[in-house]
Amino acid sequence: MERYPSKLIDTAVNEIAKLPGIGKRTALRLALHILKHEISDAKALGESIINLRTNIKYCSICNNISDDDVCPICSNKSRNHSIICVVEDTRDVIAIERTSQYKGVYHVLGGIISPIDGIGPDNLQIDSLLIKAMSGNVNEIIMALPATIEGDTTIFYLYKKLKNYNILISTIAKGVAVGDTLEYTDEITLGRSIINRSPYQPVKEKENSI
């Protein structure tokens, strides 16, 4: 058990360590770093976090985080609204936007199907995607989900729900390595994967076509 010279440090370290990827040592380093700066800097940091948590919104169209009811991407008339890129969360939207290779819009699921984590289809933003598909205004839906078992399961589930609509279902090219998430894929590889996407074909259908 760590022993700190102050209960205030102990509390700060414990709270910071709750963030993903941050252990107690890193949390201590960050807490001490904050102590070296002006009180105004610490207040600005605290207020920005509270403001983020209190005032952030989710786009009523794509579910991406936004300052307004409709995010800048969905409200941009120059984007191709007939192409929807389905992603796991906001981090993937940010990663794809960095490539500057995609000009369509997005649909953020808010996760992927993972029974072991207690996440099923009902926990995701799937119904709103189906409503978009039924509108008749969508020509293509790109599945840009992690190259993992959970990602593949989610894609197959969505494919079964969408296959009867007159919509091209495609997946990003396999420049993204198996097991990788889009967030950590370099921009050039991710950009090429978007450009070189291909029609989705379930494994069972591939086997039957051989």
N, C-alpha and C. Protein backbone atom coordinates (compact mmCIF):
# COMPACT_ATOMS: atom_id res chain seq x y z
N MET A 1 0.84 -1.20 0.00
CA MET A 1 0.00 0.00 0.00
C MET A 1 0.87 1.25 0.00
N GLU A 2 0.58 2.18 -0.95
CA GLU A 2 1.36 3.40 -1.07
C GLU A 2 1.09 4.31 0.13
N ARG A 3 2.16 5.00 0.58
CA ARG A 3 2.01 5.96 1.67
C ARG A 3 2.42 7.33 1.15
N TYR A 4 1.50 8.28 1.22
CA TYR A 4 1.77 9.63 0.74
C TYR A 4 1.82 10.58 1.92
N PRO A 5 2.56 11.70 1.78
CA PRO A 5 2.69 12.65 2.89
C PRO A 5 1.44 13.47 3.15
N SER A 6 0.43 13.32 2.29
CA SER A 6 -0.78 14.12 2.45
C SER A 6 -2.00 13.31 2.03
N LYS A 7 -3.08 13.43 2.79
CA LYS A 7 -4.33 12.77 2.42
C LYS A 7 -4.91 13.37 1.14
N LEU A 8 -4.61 14.65 0.91
CA LEU A 8 -5.07 15.31 -0.30
C LEU A 8 -4.41 14.71 -1.54
N ILE A 9 -3.10 14.42 -1.41
CA ILE A 9 -2.38 13.76 -2.50
C ILE A 9 -2.96 12.37 -2.72
N ASP A 10 -3.21 11.67 -1.63
CA ASP A 10 -3.76 10.32 -1.70
C ASP A 10 -5.10 10.32 -2.44
N THR A 11 -5.97 11.27 -2.12
CA THR A 11 -7.28 11.36 -2.76
C THR A 11 -7.13 11.68 -4.25
N ALA A 12 -6.25 12.64 -4.55
CA ALA A 12 -6.04 13.04 -5.95
C ALA A 12 -5.48 11.88 -6.77
N VAL A 13 -4.51 11.17 -6.22
CA VAL A 13 -3.89 10.03 -6.91
C VAL A 13 -4.94 8.95 -7.18
N ASN A 14 -5.74 8.65 -6.18
CA ASN A 14 -6.76 7.61 -6.34
C ASN A 14 -7.79 7.97 -7.43
N GLU A 15 -8.15 9.26 -7.50
CA GLU A 15 -9.12 9.69 -8.51
C GLU A 15 -8.51 9.67 -9.91
N ILE A 16 -7.28 10.18 -10.02
CA ILE A 16 -6.61 10.21 -11.33
C ILE A 16 -6.35 8.79 -11.83
N ALA A 17 -6.03 7.88 -10.91
CA ALA A 17 -5.73 6.51 -11.28
C ALA A 17 -6.95 5.74 -11.80
N LYS A 18 -8.13 6.32 -11.63
CA LYS A 18 -9.34 5.68 -12.15
C LYS A 18 -9.45 5.82 -13.67
N LEU A 19 -8.66 6.75 -14.22
CA LEU A 19 -8.68 6.96 -15.67
C LEU A 19 -8.01 5.78 -16.37
N PRO A 20 -8.48 5.39 -17.57
CA PRO A 20 -7.91 4.22 -18.25
C PRO A 20 -6.45 4.42 -18.63
N GLY A 21 -5.65 3.39 -18.38
CA GLY A 21 -4.24 3.42 -18.77
C GLY A 21 -3.34 4.18 -17.81
N ILE A 22 -3.89 4.62 -16.69
CA ILE A 22 -3.08 5.37 -15.73
C ILE A 22 -2.97 4.61 -14.41
N GLY A 23 -1.74 4.27 -14.05
CA GLY A 23 -1.49 3.58 -12.78
C GLY A 23 -1.21 4.58 -11.68
N LYS A 24 -0.93 4.06 -10.49
CA LYS A 24 -0.70 4.92 -9.34
C LYS A 24 0.54 5.81 -9.51
N ARG A 25 1.60 5.28 -10.11
CA ARG A 25 2.81 6.09 -10.28
C ARG A 25 2.58 7.25 -11.22
N THR A 26 1.90 6.97 -12.34
CA THR A 26 1.60 8.04 -13.29
C THR A 26 0.65 9.05 -12.66
N ALA A 27 -0.31 8.56 -11.90
CA ALA A 27 -1.26 9.44 -11.23
C ALA A 27 -0.54 10.36 -10.24
N LEU A 28 0.43 9.82 -9.53
CA LEU A 28 1.21 10.62 -8.58
C LEU A 28 2.00 11.69 -9.33
N ARG A 29 2.61 11.29 -10.46
CA ARG A 29 3.38 12.24 -11.26
C ARG A 29 2.50 13.39 -11.76
N LEU A 30 1.28 13.06 -12.18
CA LEU A 30 0.37 14.09 -12.66
C LEU A 30 -0.10 15.00 -11.52
N ALA A 31 -0.37 14.40 -10.37
CA ALA A 31 -0.81 15.20 -9.23
C ALA A 31 0.28 16.18 -8.80
N LEU A 32 1.53 15.71 -8.76
CA LEU A 32 2.65 16.58 -8.38
C LEU A 32 2.89 17.65 -9.44
N HIS A 33 2.63 17.30 -10.69
CA HIS A 33 2.78 18.26 -11.79
C HIS A 33 1.77 19.40 -11.62
N ILE A 34 0.56 19.05 -11.23
CA ILE A 34 -0.48 20.06 -11.01
C ILE A 34 -0.09 21.00 -9.87
N LEU A 35 0.56 20.44 -8.84
CA LEU A 35 0.97 21.24 -7.68
C LEU A 35 2.02 22.29 -8.06
N LYS A 36 2.80 22.02 -9.09
CA LYS A 36 3.87 22.94 -9.50
C LYS A 36 3.33 24.17 -10.22
N HIS A 37 2.09 24.09 -10.72
CA HIS A 37 1.54 25.17 -11.51
C HIS A 37 0.64 26.08 -10.67
N GLU A 38 0.24 27.18 -11.29
CA GLU A 38 -0.60 28.16 -10.60
C GLU A 38 -1.97 27.55 -10.27
N ILE A 39 -2.59 28.08 -9.22
CA ILE A 39 -3.92 27.62 -8.82
C ILE A 39 -4.91 27.84 -9.97
N SER A 40 -4.72 28.91 -10.72
CA SER A 40 -5.62 29.22 -11.84
C SER A 40 -5.58 28.11 -12.89
N ASP A 41 -4.41 27.50 -13.08
CA ASP A 41 -4.28 26.40 -14.03
C ASP A 41 -5.06 25.18 -13.55
N ALA A 42 -4.95 24.90 -12.24
CA ALA A 42 -5.67 23.76 -11.67
C ALA A 42 -7.18 23.98 -11.76
N LYS A 43 -7.61 25.23 -11.50
CA LYS A 43 -9.03 25.56 -11.58
C LYS A 43 -9.54 25.41 -13.02
N ALA A 44 -8.73 25.87 -13.96
CA ALA A 44 -9.12 25.78 -15.38
C ALA A 44 -9.27 24.32 -15.80
N LEU A 45 -8.36 23.47 -15.32
CA LEU A 45 -8.43 22.04 -15.63
C LEU A 45 -9.69 21.44 -15.04
N GLY A 46 -9.93 21.73 -13.75
CA GLY A 46 -11.11 21.18 -13.09
C GLY A 46 -12.41 21.65 -13.73
N GLU A 47 -12.47 22.94 -14.05
CA GLU A 47 -13.67 23.50 -14.66
C GLU A 47 -13.92 22.93 -16.06
N SER A 48 -12.83 22.69 -16.81
CA SER A 48 -12.99 22.15 -18.16
C SER A 48 -13.56 20.73 -18.10
N ILE A 49 -13.13 19.95 -17.09
CA ILE A 49 -13.63 18.58 -16.94
C ILE A 49 -15.10 18.59 -16.52
N ILE A 50 -15.44 19.45 -15.57
CA ILE A 50 -16.83 19.55 -15.12
C ILE A 50 -17.73 20.04 -16.25
N ASN A 51 -17.23 21.03 -17.00
CA ASN A 51 -17.99 21.58 -18.12
C ASN A 51 -18.20 20.52 -19.21
N LEU A 52 -17.17 19.73 -19.45
CA LEU A 52 -17.26 18.64 -20.43
C LEU A 52 -18.34 17.66 -20.02
N ARG A 53 -18.29 17.21 -18.78
CA ARG A 53 -19.24 16.21 -18.30
C ARG A 53 -20.66 16.75 -18.20
N THR A 54 -20.79 18.03 -17.90
CA THR A 54 -22.11 18.62 -17.69
C THR A 54 -22.80 19.03 -18.99
N ASN A 55 -22.03 19.59 -19.92
CA ASN A 55 -22.63 20.22 -21.09
C ASN A 55 -22.48 19.48 -22.41
N ILE A 56 -21.72 18.40 -22.44
CA ILE A 56 -21.55 17.68 -23.70
C ILE A 56 -22.88 17.08 -24.16
N LYS A 57 -23.10 17.08 -25.46
CA LYS A 57 -24.32 16.51 -26.02
C LYS A 57 -23.97 15.39 -26.98
N TYR A 58 -24.97 14.64 -27.36
CA TYR A 58 -24.79 13.60 -28.36
C TYR A 58 -25.66 13.93 -29.56
N CYS A 59 -25.06 13.92 -30.73
CA CYS A 59 -25.75 14.29 -31.96
C CYS A 59 -27.02 13.47 -32.12
N SER A 60 -28.11 14.13 -32.38
CA SER A 60 -29.41 13.46 -32.51
C SER A 60 -29.50 12.62 -33.79
N ILE A 61 -28.53 12.79 -34.69
CA ILE A 61 -28.54 12.04 -35.95
C ILE A 61 -27.56 10.87 -35.93
N CYS A 62 -26.31 11.12 -35.52
CA CYS A 62 -25.28 10.07 -35.61
C CYS A 62 -24.80 9.56 -34.26
N ASN A 63 -25.19 10.20 -33.16
CA ASN A 63 -24.80 9.80 -31.80
C ASN A 63 -23.37 10.17 -31.43
N ASN A 64 -22.69 10.94 -32.28
CA ASN A 64 -21.34 11.40 -31.96
C ASN A 64 -21.42 12.50 -30.91
N ILE A 65 -20.36 12.70 -30.14
CA ILE A 65 -20.37 13.78 -29.16
C ILE A 65 -20.37 15.11 -29.89
N SER A 66 -21.03 16.11 -29.29
CA SER A 66 -21.19 17.39 -29.98
C SER A 66 -21.48 18.49 -28.97
N ASP A 67 -21.23 19.72 -29.40
CA ASP A 67 -21.60 20.88 -28.58
C ASP A 67 -23.07 21.24 -28.79
N ASP A 68 -23.61 20.81 -29.93
CA ASP A 68 -24.99 21.14 -30.28
C ASP A 68 -25.81 19.87 -30.49
N ASP A 69 -27.10 20.05 -30.73
CA ASP A 69 -27.98 18.89 -30.93
C ASP A 69 -27.61 18.10 -32.18
N VAL A 70 -27.08 18.80 -33.19
CA VAL A 70 -26.60 18.14 -34.41
C VAL A 70 -25.12 18.48 -34.57
N CYS A 71 -24.28 17.48 -34.76
CA CYS A 71 -22.83 17.69 -34.83
C CYS A 71 -22.43 18.39 -36.14
N PRO A 72 -21.24 18.97 -36.20
CA PRO A 72 -20.79 19.69 -37.40
C PRO A 72 -20.74 18.82 -38.65
N ILE A 73 -20.48 17.51 -38.49
CA ILE A 73 -20.40 16.63 -39.66
C ILE A 73 -21.79 16.41 -40.25
N CYS A 74 -22.77 16.11 -39.40
CA CYS A 74 -24.13 15.87 -39.89
C CYS A 74 -24.78 17.13 -40.45
N SER A 75 -24.38 18.30 -39.94
CA SER A 75 -24.97 19.56 -40.41
C SER A 75 -24.25 20.11 -41.64
N ASN A 76 -23.16 19.45 -42.04
CA ASN A 76 -22.37 19.90 -43.19
C ASN A 76 -23.01 19.40 -44.48
N LYS A 77 -23.55 20.32 -45.28
CA LYS A 77 -24.25 19.94 -46.51
C LYS A 77 -23.31 19.45 -47.59
N SER A 78 -22.01 19.71 -47.45
CA SER A 78 -21.05 19.26 -48.46
C SER A 78 -20.65 17.80 -48.27
N ARG A 79 -21.04 17.20 -47.13
CA ARG A 79 -20.75 15.78 -46.90
C ARG A 79 -21.75 14.95 -47.68
N ASN A 80 -21.33 13.73 -48.03
CA ASN A 80 -22.21 12.80 -48.75
C ASN A 80 -23.06 12.05 -47.74
N HIS A 81 -24.31 12.46 -47.57
CA HIS A 81 -25.18 11.87 -46.56
C HIS A 81 -25.78 10.54 -46.99
N SER A 82 -25.48 10.10 -48.20
CA SER A 82 -25.98 8.80 -48.67
C SER A 82 -25.03 7.67 -48.31
N ILE A 83 -23.86 8.03 -47.76
CA ILE A 83 -22.87 7.04 -47.32
C ILE A 83 -22.69 7.18 -45.81
N ILE A 84 -22.92 6.10 -45.09
CA ILE A 84 -22.80 6.10 -43.63
C ILE A 84 -21.69 5.15 -43.20
N CYS A 85 -20.78 5.65 -42.40
CA CYS A 85 -19.70 4.82 -41.85
C CYS A 85 -20.05 4.47 -40.41
N VAL A 86 -20.23 3.19 -40.15
CA VAL A 86 -20.61 2.73 -38.81
C VAL A 86 -19.35 2.46 -37.99
N VAL A 87 -19.25 3.12 -36.85
CA VAL A 87 -18.08 2.97 -35.98
C VAL A 87 -18.50 2.63 -34.56
N GLU A 88 -17.52 2.20 -33.78
CA GLU A 88 -17.79 1.80 -32.40
C GLU A 88 -18.04 3.02 -31.51
N ASP A 89 -17.14 4.01 -31.55
CA ASP A 89 -17.33 5.19 -30.71
C ASP A 89 -16.66 6.42 -31.32
N THR A 90 -16.69 7.51 -30.59
CA THR A 90 -16.20 8.79 -31.07
C THR A 90 -14.72 8.75 -31.45
N ARG A 91 -13.92 7.95 -30.76
CA ARG A 91 -12.50 7.86 -31.07
C ARG A 91 -12.27 7.44 -32.50
N ASP A 92 -13.16 6.57 -33.02
CA ASP A 92 -13.02 6.11 -34.39
C ASP A 92 -13.38 7.21 -35.39
N VAL A 93 -14.36 8.03 -35.05
CA VAL A 93 -14.71 9.16 -35.91
C VAL A 93 -13.50 10.09 -36.02
N ILE A 94 -12.88 10.38 -34.90
CA ILE A 94 -11.70 11.26 -34.88
C ILE A 94 -10.58 10.66 -35.71
N ALA A 95 -10.35 9.36 -35.58
CA ALA A 95 -9.27 8.69 -36.32
C ALA A 95 -9.52 8.76 -37.82
N ILE A 96 -10.74 8.50 -38.25
CA ILE A 96 -11.05 8.52 -39.68
C ILE A 96 -11.01 9.93 -40.23
N GLU A 97 -11.49 10.90 -39.47
CA GLU A 97 -11.47 12.29 -39.92
C GLU A 97 -10.04 12.79 -40.12
N ARG A 98 -9.11 12.28 -39.33
CA ARG A 98 -7.71 12.69 -39.47
C ARG A 98 -7.14 12.31 -40.84
N THR A 99 -7.69 11.27 -41.45
CA THR A 99 -7.16 10.80 -42.74
C THR A 99 -7.54 11.73 -43.89
N SER A 100 -8.61 12.50 -43.72
CA SER A 100 -9.13 13.39 -44.77
C SER A 100 -9.51 12.64 -46.04
N GLN A 101 -9.77 11.33 -45.92
CA GLN A 101 -10.09 10.50 -47.07
C GLN A 101 -11.58 10.14 -47.16
N TYR A 102 -12.34 10.47 -46.14
CA TYR A 102 -13.74 10.08 -46.10
C TYR A 102 -14.63 11.31 -46.07
N LYS A 103 -15.60 11.37 -46.97
CA LYS A 103 -16.46 12.54 -47.09
C LYS A 103 -17.93 12.24 -46.81
N GLY A 104 -18.22 11.05 -46.30
CA GLY A 104 -19.59 10.71 -45.96
C GLY A 104 -19.90 11.13 -44.54
N VAL A 105 -20.90 10.50 -43.93
CA VAL A 105 -21.28 10.80 -42.55
C VAL A 105 -21.08 9.53 -41.70
N TYR A 106 -21.40 9.61 -40.43
CA TYR A 106 -21.12 8.51 -39.51
C TYR A 106 -22.38 8.04 -38.77
N HIS A 107 -22.24 6.87 -38.17
CA HIS A 107 -23.23 6.39 -37.20
C HIS A 107 -22.44 5.73 -36.08
N VAL A 108 -22.51 6.29 -34.89
CA VAL A 108 -21.76 5.79 -33.74
C VAL A 108 -22.63 4.81 -32.96
N LEU A 109 -22.20 3.54 -32.90
CA LEU A 109 -22.97 2.51 -32.21
C LEU A 109 -22.93 2.66 -30.70
N GLY A 110 -21.83 3.19 -30.18
CA GLY A 110 -21.69 3.30 -28.73
C GLY A 110 -21.15 2.03 -28.11
N GLY A 111 -20.51 1.19 -28.93
CA GLY A 111 -19.93 -0.06 -28.44
C GLY A 111 -20.05 -1.14 -29.51
N ILE A 112 -19.69 -2.36 -29.16
CA ILE A 112 -19.86 -3.51 -30.05
C ILE A 112 -20.42 -4.67 -29.23
N ILE A 113 -21.04 -5.62 -29.91
CA ILE A 113 -21.65 -6.75 -29.23
C ILE A 113 -20.57 -7.58 -28.54
N SER A 114 -20.72 -7.75 -27.24
CA SER A 114 -19.73 -8.51 -26.45
C SER A 114 -20.45 -9.15 -25.26
N PRO A 115 -20.98 -10.36 -25.46
CA PRO A 115 -21.71 -11.05 -24.39
C PRO A 115 -20.93 -11.16 -23.08
N ILE A 116 -19.62 -11.36 -23.19
CA ILE A 116 -18.80 -11.54 -21.99
C ILE A 116 -18.79 -10.26 -21.14
N ASP A 117 -19.01 -9.11 -21.80
CA ASP A 117 -19.07 -7.83 -21.09
C ASP A 117 -20.51 -7.40 -20.84
N GLY A 118 -21.45 -8.27 -21.18
CA GLY A 118 -22.85 -7.96 -20.96
C GLY A 118 -23.42 -6.95 -21.95
N ILE A 119 -22.78 -6.81 -23.11
CA ILE A 119 -23.25 -5.86 -24.12
C ILE A 119 -23.91 -6.62 -25.26
N GLY A 120 -25.21 -6.40 -25.42
CA GLY A 120 -25.96 -7.03 -26.50
C GLY A 120 -26.46 -5.99 -27.47
N PRO A 121 -27.15 -6.40 -28.53
CA PRO A 121 -27.68 -5.47 -29.53
C PRO A 121 -28.56 -4.37 -28.94
N ASP A 122 -29.32 -4.71 -27.89
CA ASP A 122 -30.22 -3.73 -27.28
C ASP A 122 -29.48 -2.60 -26.58
N ASN A 123 -28.19 -2.81 -26.30
CA ASN A 123 -27.40 -1.79 -25.62
C ASN A 123 -26.74 -0.82 -26.60
N LEU A 124 -26.89 -1.08 -27.90
CA LEU A 124 -26.24 -0.27 -28.92
C LEU A 124 -27.24 0.56 -29.72
N GLN A 125 -26.73 1.53 -30.44
CA GLN A 125 -27.57 2.41 -31.27
C GLN A 125 -27.82 1.74 -32.63
N ILE A 126 -28.58 0.66 -32.61
CA ILE A 126 -28.85 -0.10 -33.82
C ILE A 126 -30.19 0.29 -34.45
N ASP A 127 -31.20 0.48 -33.63
CA ASP A 127 -32.53 0.82 -34.15
C ASP A 127 -32.49 2.10 -34.99
N SER A 128 -31.74 3.09 -34.53
CA SER A 128 -31.66 4.35 -35.27
C SER A 128 -30.95 4.17 -36.60
N LEU A 129 -30.02 3.19 -36.67
CA LEU A 129 -29.35 2.89 -37.94
C LEU A 129 -30.34 2.25 -38.91
N LEU A 130 -31.19 1.37 -38.40
CA LEU A 130 -32.19 0.71 -39.24
C LEU A 130 -33.20 1.72 -39.78
N ILE A 131 -33.54 2.71 -38.98
CA ILE A 131 -34.46 3.76 -39.43
C ILE A 131 -33.85 4.52 -40.60
N LYS A 132 -32.56 4.80 -40.51
CA LYS A 132 -31.86 5.47 -41.62
C LYS A 132 -31.89 4.61 -42.88
N ALA A 133 -31.68 3.30 -42.69
CA ALA A 133 -31.67 2.38 -43.83
C ALA A 133 -33.04 2.34 -44.49
N MET A 134 -34.09 2.42 -43.70
CA MET A 134 -35.45 2.36 -44.24
C MET A 134 -35.89 3.65 -44.93
N SER A 135 -35.13 4.72 -44.74
CA SER A 135 -35.51 6.02 -45.29
C SER A 135 -35.43 6.06 -46.81
N GLY A 136 -34.60 5.19 -47.39
CA GLY A 136 -34.42 5.18 -48.84
C GLY A 136 -33.39 6.20 -49.31
N ASN A 137 -32.75 6.89 -48.35
CA ASN A 137 -31.77 7.92 -48.71
C ASN A 137 -30.33 7.45 -48.58
N VAL A 138 -30.15 6.19 -48.21
CA VAL A 138 -28.80 5.66 -47.99
C VAL A 138 -28.41 4.69 -49.10
N ASN A 139 -27.24 4.91 -49.71
CA ASN A 139 -26.76 4.04 -50.78
C ASN A 139 -25.73 3.02 -50.30
N GLU A 140 -24.96 3.40 -49.28
CA GLU A 140 -23.90 2.51 -48.80
C GLU A 140 -23.72 2.67 -47.30
N ILE A 141 -23.49 1.55 -46.63
CA ILE A 141 -23.14 1.56 -45.21
C ILE A 141 -21.80 0.85 -45.06
N ILE A 142 -20.81 1.58 -44.56
CA ILE A 142 -19.46 1.04 -44.38
C ILE A 142 -19.30 0.57 -42.94
N MET A 143 -18.91 -0.67 -42.77
CA MET A 143 -18.66 -1.20 -41.43
C MET A 143 -17.19 -0.98 -41.08
N ALA A 144 -16.93 0.01 -40.22
CA ALA A 144 -15.57 0.31 -39.80
C ALA A 144 -15.43 -0.02 -38.32
N LEU A 145 -15.53 -1.31 -38.03
CA LEU A 145 -15.46 -1.78 -36.64
C LEU A 145 -14.16 -2.53 -36.40
N PRO A 146 -13.77 -2.73 -35.14
CA PRO A 146 -12.50 -3.39 -34.84
C PRO A 146 -12.37 -4.77 -35.48
N ALA A 147 -11.14 -5.10 -35.88
CA ALA A 147 -10.88 -6.41 -36.49
C ALA A 147 -10.70 -7.45 -35.39
N THR A 148 -11.77 -7.66 -34.62
CA THR A 148 -11.77 -8.61 -33.51
C THR A 148 -13.00 -9.51 -33.64
N ILE A 149 -13.06 -10.54 -32.80
CA ILE A 149 -14.21 -11.44 -32.81
C ILE A 149 -15.49 -10.64 -32.51
N GLU A 150 -15.41 -9.73 -31.55
CA GLU A 150 -16.57 -8.93 -31.19
C GLU A 150 -16.98 -8.01 -32.34
N GLY A 151 -15.97 -7.44 -33.01
CA GLY A 151 -16.25 -6.58 -34.14
C GLY A 151 -16.89 -7.33 -35.28
N ASP A 152 -16.35 -8.53 -35.58
CA ASP A 152 -16.91 -9.37 -36.65
C ASP A 152 -18.34 -9.81 -36.32
N THR A 153 -18.57 -10.12 -35.05
CA THR A 153 -19.91 -10.53 -34.62
C THR A 153 -20.91 -9.41 -34.83
N THR A 154 -20.49 -8.20 -34.49
CA THR A 154 -21.36 -7.03 -34.65
C THR A 154 -21.66 -6.76 -36.11
N ILE A 155 -20.64 -6.86 -36.95
CA ILE A 155 -20.83 -6.64 -38.39
C ILE A 155 -21.81 -7.66 -38.95
N PHE A 156 -21.64 -8.93 -38.58
CA PHE A 156 -22.53 -9.97 -39.10
C PHE A 156 -23.97 -9.74 -38.63
N TYR A 157 -24.15 -9.32 -37.39
CA TYR A 157 -25.48 -9.04 -36.86
C TYR A 157 -26.12 -7.90 -37.66
N LEU A 158 -25.37 -6.84 -37.89
CA LEU A 158 -25.89 -5.70 -38.63
C LEU A 158 -26.20 -6.08 -40.08
N TYR A 159 -25.34 -6.91 -40.65
CA TYR A 159 -25.55 -7.36 -42.03
C TYR A 159 -26.89 -8.09 -42.16
N LYS A 160 -27.19 -8.96 -41.19
CA LYS A 160 -28.45 -9.70 -41.23
C LYS A 160 -29.65 -8.75 -41.14
N LYS A 161 -29.49 -7.67 -40.39
CA LYS A 161 -30.57 -6.70 -40.23
C LYS A 161 -30.74 -5.82 -41.47
N LEU A 162 -29.64 -5.62 -42.21
CA LEU A 162 -29.65 -4.65 -43.31
C LEU A 162 -29.70 -5.27 -44.70
N LYS A 163 -29.46 -6.58 -44.81
CA LYS A 163 -29.26 -7.19 -46.12
C LYS A 163 -30.48 -7.13 -47.04
N ASN A 164 -31.67 -6.97 -46.49
CA ASN A 164 -32.88 -6.93 -47.33
C ASN A 164 -33.18 -5.54 -47.89
N TYR A 165 -32.38 -4.55 -47.48
CA TYR A 165 -32.55 -3.22 -48.03
C TYR A 165 -31.64 -3.07 -49.25
N ASN A 166 -32.00 -2.20 -50.15
CA ASN A 166 -31.22 -1.99 -51.36
C ASN A 166 -30.04 -1.06 -51.06
N ILE A 167 -29.14 -1.57 -50.21
CA ILE A 167 -28.00 -0.77 -49.75
C ILE A 167 -26.73 -1.62 -49.85
N LEU A 168 -25.66 -1.04 -50.36
CA LEU A 168 -24.37 -1.73 -50.40
C LEU A 168 -23.79 -1.76 -48.99
N ILE A 169 -23.50 -2.95 -48.49
CA ILE A 169 -22.85 -3.12 -47.18
C ILE A 169 -21.39 -3.43 -47.45
N SER A 170 -20.49 -2.57 -47.00
CA SER A 170 -19.07 -2.77 -47.26
C SER A 170 -18.28 -2.73 -45.97
N THR A 171 -17.05 -3.22 -46.04
CA THR A 171 -16.14 -3.18 -44.89
C THR A 171 -14.84 -2.56 -45.33
N ILE A 172 -14.13 -1.95 -44.40
CA ILE A 172 -12.85 -1.35 -44.73
C ILE A 172 -11.86 -2.45 -45.08
N ALA A 173 -10.89 -2.14 -45.94
CA ALA A 173 -9.91 -3.11 -46.39
C ALA A 173 -9.06 -3.59 -45.22
N LYS A 174 -8.47 -4.75 -45.38
CA LYS A 174 -7.73 -5.37 -44.28
C LYS A 174 -6.32 -4.82 -44.10
N GLY A 175 -6.15 -3.53 -44.38
CA GLY A 175 -4.90 -2.88 -44.03
C GLY A 175 -4.81 -2.72 -42.53
N VAL A 176 -5.97 -2.79 -41.88
CA VAL A 176 -6.03 -2.76 -40.42
C VAL A 176 -5.82 -4.17 -39.91
N ALA A 177 -4.77 -4.38 -39.14
CA ALA A 177 -4.41 -5.72 -38.70
C ALA A 177 -5.47 -6.33 -37.78
N VAL A 178 -5.57 -7.66 -37.81
CA VAL A 178 -6.51 -8.36 -36.96
C VAL A 178 -6.21 -8.05 -35.49
N GLY A 179 -7.24 -7.70 -34.75
CA GLY A 179 -7.08 -7.38 -33.34
C GLY A 179 -6.87 -5.91 -33.06
N ASP A 180 -6.65 -5.12 -34.15
CA ASP A 180 -6.39 -3.69 -33.97
C ASP A 180 -7.67 -2.89 -33.86
N THR A 181 -7.59 -1.75 -33.17
CA THR A 181 -8.68 -0.81 -33.15
C THR A 181 -8.31 0.36 -34.05
N LEU A 182 -9.30 1.05 -34.60
CA LEU A 182 -9.04 2.14 -35.53
C LEU A 182 -8.26 3.27 -34.88
N GLU A 183 -8.50 3.46 -33.59
CA GLU A 183 -7.89 4.57 -32.87
C GLU A 183 -6.37 4.56 -32.97
N TYR A 184 -5.76 3.36 -32.98
CA TYR A 184 -4.31 3.25 -32.96
C TYR A 184 -3.71 2.92 -34.33
N THR A 185 -4.54 2.94 -35.37
CA THR A 185 -4.05 2.67 -36.72
C THR A 185 -3.53 3.97 -37.33
N ASP A 186 -2.36 3.90 -38.00
CA ASP A 186 -1.81 5.13 -38.56
C ASP A 186 -2.72 5.68 -39.65
N GLU A 187 -2.63 6.98 -39.87
CA GLU A 187 -3.57 7.68 -40.77
C GLU A 187 -3.51 7.18 -42.21
N ILE A 188 -2.29 6.89 -42.70
CA ILE A 188 -2.16 6.46 -44.09
C ILE A 188 -2.82 5.10 -44.29
N THR A 189 -2.55 4.16 -43.39
CA THR A 189 -3.15 2.83 -43.48
C THR A 189 -4.66 2.89 -43.36
N LEU A 190 -5.15 3.68 -42.40
CA LEU A 190 -6.59 3.80 -42.20
C LEU A 190 -7.25 4.47 -43.40
N GLY A 191 -6.60 5.49 -43.94
CA GLY A 191 -7.14 6.19 -45.11
C GLY A 191 -7.26 5.26 -46.30
N ARG A 192 -6.23 4.45 -46.52
CA ARG A 192 -6.26 3.50 -47.63
C ARG A 192 -7.32 2.43 -47.40
N SER A 193 -7.52 2.04 -46.15
CA SER A 193 -8.52 1.02 -45.83
C SER A 193 -9.92 1.52 -46.14
N ILE A 194 -10.14 2.82 -45.93
CA ILE A 194 -11.44 3.41 -46.24
C ILE A 194 -11.64 3.47 -47.75
N ILE A 195 -10.62 3.93 -48.46
CA ILE A 195 -10.70 4.07 -49.92
C ILE A 195 -10.88 2.72 -50.60
N ASN A 196 -10.14 1.71 -50.11
CA ASN A 196 -10.15 0.39 -50.74
C ASN A 196 -11.15 -0.57 -50.10
N ARG A 197 -12.21 -0.03 -49.53
CA ARG A 197 -13.23 -0.87 -48.91
C ARG A 197 -13.85 -1.80 -49.95
N SER A 198 -14.43 -2.90 -49.46
CA SER A 198 -15.02 -3.88 -50.37
C SER A 198 -16.36 -4.35 -49.85
N PRO A 199 -17.24 -4.88 -50.72
CA PRO A 199 -18.54 -5.37 -50.27
C PRO A 199 -18.38 -6.43 -49.20
N TYR A 200 -19.23 -6.38 -48.19
CA TYR A 200 -19.17 -7.36 -47.11
C TYR A 200 -19.79 -8.67 -47.53
N GLN A 201 -19.10 -9.77 -47.24
CA GLN A 201 -19.63 -11.10 -47.51
C GLN A 201 -19.37 -11.98 -46.29
N PRO A 202 -20.43 -12.43 -45.61
CA PRO A 202 -20.25 -13.27 -44.43
C PRO A 202 -19.45 -14.52 -44.74
N VAL A 203 -18.78 -15.05 -43.73
CA VAL A 203 -17.95 -16.24 -43.91
C VAL A 203 -18.73 -17.39 -44.50
N LYS A 204 -19.97 -17.62 -44.01
CA LYS A 204 -20.77 -18.75 -44.50
C LYS A 204 -21.08 -18.60 -45.98
N GLU A 205 -21.35 -17.36 -46.41
CA GLU A 205 -21.65 -17.13 -47.82
C GLU A 205 -20.41 -17.30 -48.67
N LYS A 206 -19.24 -16.91 -48.11
CA LYS A 206 -17.98 -17.11 -48.82
C LYS A 206 -17.71 -18.59 -49.04
N GLU A 207 -17.98 -19.38 -47.99
CA GLU A 207 -17.73 -20.82 -48.07
C GLU A 207 -18.65 -21.46 -49.10
N ASN A 208 -19.91 -21.00 -49.17
CA ASN A 208 -20.85 -21.59 -50.12
C ASN A 208 -20.54 -21.22 -51.56
N SER A 209 -19.79 -20.12 -51.73
CA SER A 209 -19.49 -19.66 -53.09
C SER A 209 -18.24 -20.32 -53.64
N ILE A 210 -17.51 -21.04 -52.79
CA ILE A 210 -16.28 -21.73 -53.23
C ILE A 210 -16.62 -23.00 -53.99
